[in-house]
Protein backbone atom coordinates (compact mmCIF):
# COMPACT_ATOMS: atom_id res chain seq x y z
CA MET A 1 8.33 -14.22 162.44
CA ASP A 2 8.60 -17.74 163.25
CA GLN A 3 12.15 -19.14 162.88
CA SER A 4 10.58 -22.54 161.86
CA LEU A 5 9.96 -20.54 158.27
CA ARG A 6 13.39 -19.64 157.51
CA ASN A 7 14.84 -23.22 156.52
CA ALA A 8 14.01 -25.51 154.17
CA PRO A 9 14.08 -28.97 156.93
CA ALA A 10 11.50 -27.10 159.16
CA LEU A 11 9.41 -26.09 156.13
CA LEU A 12 9.54 -29.44 154.54
CA ALA A 13 8.88 -31.13 158.22
CA ARG A 14 5.58 -28.83 158.31
CA ILE A 15 4.58 -29.88 155.25
CA ASP A 16 5.02 -33.50 155.60
CA THR A 17 2.94 -33.31 159.13
CA ALA A 18 0.20 -31.16 157.23
CA THR A 19 -0.19 -33.61 154.39
CA GLN A 20 0.05 -36.53 156.74
CA GLN A 21 -2.87 -35.05 158.97
CA LEU A 22 -4.89 -34.42 155.74
CA ILE A 23 -4.38 -38.34 154.45
CA ARG A 24 -5.16 -39.04 158.14
CA ARG A 25 -8.74 -37.41 158.03
CA PHE A 26 -9.50 -38.43 154.87
CA GLU A 27 -8.96 -41.82 155.14
CA ASN A 28 -10.79 -41.76 159.17
CA LEU A 29 -13.96 -40.21 156.66
CA ILE A 30 -13.80 -43.10 154.07
CA GLY A 31 -13.87 -45.79 157.14
CA LEU A 32 -17.07 -44.11 158.34
CA ALA A 33 -18.57 -43.63 155.44
CA SER A 34 -19.31 -47.59 155.64
CA LEU A 35 -22.46 -47.97 158.13
CA GLU A 36 -22.84 -51.63 159.51
CA LYS A 37 -25.47 -50.78 162.12
CA THR A 38 -28.45 -49.28 160.99
CA ASP A 39 -30.23 -48.27 164.56
CA ARG A 40 -30.75 -44.94 165.66
CA ASN A 41 -28.17 -44.74 167.96
CA SER A 42 -25.48 -46.15 165.84
CA THR A 43 -26.55 -44.07 163.01
CA ALA A 44 -26.50 -40.88 165.05
CA LEU A 45 -22.93 -41.29 166.80
CA ASN A 46 -21.37 -42.34 162.96
CA ALA A 47 -23.09 -38.58 161.70
CA LEU A 48 -21.35 -36.66 164.80
CA GLU A 49 -17.92 -38.80 164.10
CA ILE A 50 -18.19 -37.57 160.32
CA ASP A 51 -18.95 -34.36 161.45
CA VAL A 52 -15.81 -34.19 164.10
CA GLU A 53 -13.57 -35.79 160.90
CA THR A 54 -14.83 -33.42 158.59
CA ALA A 55 -14.31 -30.37 160.85
CA ALA A 56 -10.78 -32.06 161.63
CA LEU A 57 -10.22 -32.13 157.77
CA ILE A 58 -11.17 -28.79 157.38
CA ARG A 59 -8.94 -27.31 159.93
CA GLY A 60 -5.96 -29.71 158.09
CA ALA A 61 -6.71 -27.98 154.79
CA GLU A 62 -6.93 -24.44 156.96
CA ASP A 63 -3.57 -24.84 158.66
CA LEU A 64 -1.94 -26.06 155.02
CA THR A 65 -3.03 -22.75 153.70
CA THR A 66 -1.74 -20.41 156.07
CA LEU A 67 1.50 -22.39 155.96
CA ILE A 68 1.25 -21.94 152.47
CA ARG A 69 0.40 -17.57 153.00
CA GLN A 70 3.59 -17.90 155.61
CA MET A 71 5.79 -19.32 152.73
CA GLN A 72 4.90 -16.42 150.28
CA GLU A 73 5.52 -14.29 152.78
CA VAL A 74 8.91 -15.22 153.72
CA TRP A 75 9.74 -15.75 150.47
CA LEU A 76 8.58 -12.13 149.23
CA PHE A 77 10.16 -9.91 151.70
CA GLY A 78 13.41 -12.57 151.35
CA GLU A 79 13.62 -14.00 154.94
CA LEU A 80 13.96 -17.70 153.72
CA ASN A 81 17.26 -19.20 154.56
CA THR A 82 17.70 -21.55 151.87
CA LEU A 83 20.36 -20.16 149.87
CA GLY A 84 23.23 -21.50 151.57
CA LYS A 85 25.79 -23.95 149.93
CA SER A 86 24.64 -27.49 148.96
CA GLU A 87 25.80 -30.73 147.76
CA SER A 88 24.76 -29.92 143.97
CA GLN A 89 26.12 -26.53 144.24
CA GLU A 90 29.33 -27.63 145.49
CA LYS A 91 29.28 -30.39 142.85
CA MET A 92 28.60 -28.15 140.12
CA GLN A 93 31.30 -25.67 141.21
CA GLN A 94 33.93 -28.67 140.77
CA ASN A 95 32.66 -29.81 137.39
CA THR A 96 32.95 -25.86 136.64
CA VAL A 97 36.67 -26.00 137.42
CA ALA A 98 37.30 -29.18 135.73
CA VAL A 99 35.71 -27.80 132.72
CA ALA A 100 37.66 -24.91 132.77
CA GLU A 101 40.95 -26.83 133.05
CA LEU A 102 40.31 -28.95 130.54
CA LEU A 103 39.43 -26.08 128.27
CA HIS A 104 42.59 -24.34 128.94
CA LYS A 105 45.01 -27.91 128.06
CA VAL A 106 43.12 -28.36 124.93
CA LEU A 107 43.42 -24.44 123.83
CA SER A 108 47.19 -24.44 124.82
CA GLY A 109 47.31 -27.75 122.87
CA TYR A 110 46.71 -25.67 120.10
CA GLY A 111 49.26 -22.96 120.32
CA ARG A 112 47.29 -20.67 122.03
CA GLU A 113 47.22 -19.12 125.22
CA ALA A 114 44.02 -19.54 127.10
CA GLU A 115 42.69 -16.28 128.60
CA VAL A 116 41.63 -16.86 132.18
């Protein structure tokens, strides 16, 4: 399996790229929808450009659904490497230790020995 699917930053980058591509293609379609010239050649050219942008938009959506499917497979089979230590986990661990120490002080202040 592709290594870029095994870590969160690579997955986020692929998601960002896919969504930016979809937005760009949709904006292009909206821009092409306003027909300024009404002669036959301009209309034919505009129709062709709309077809090309629509095909690209569909391809972008297919790429995004493929990425979603790959992420589901990676998640299902447990190959996703996003369980490393993060800053929030380390902070939570520090807070847990601080709370445990405070609880120990409170219990020892009441004459009881805390069970650790």
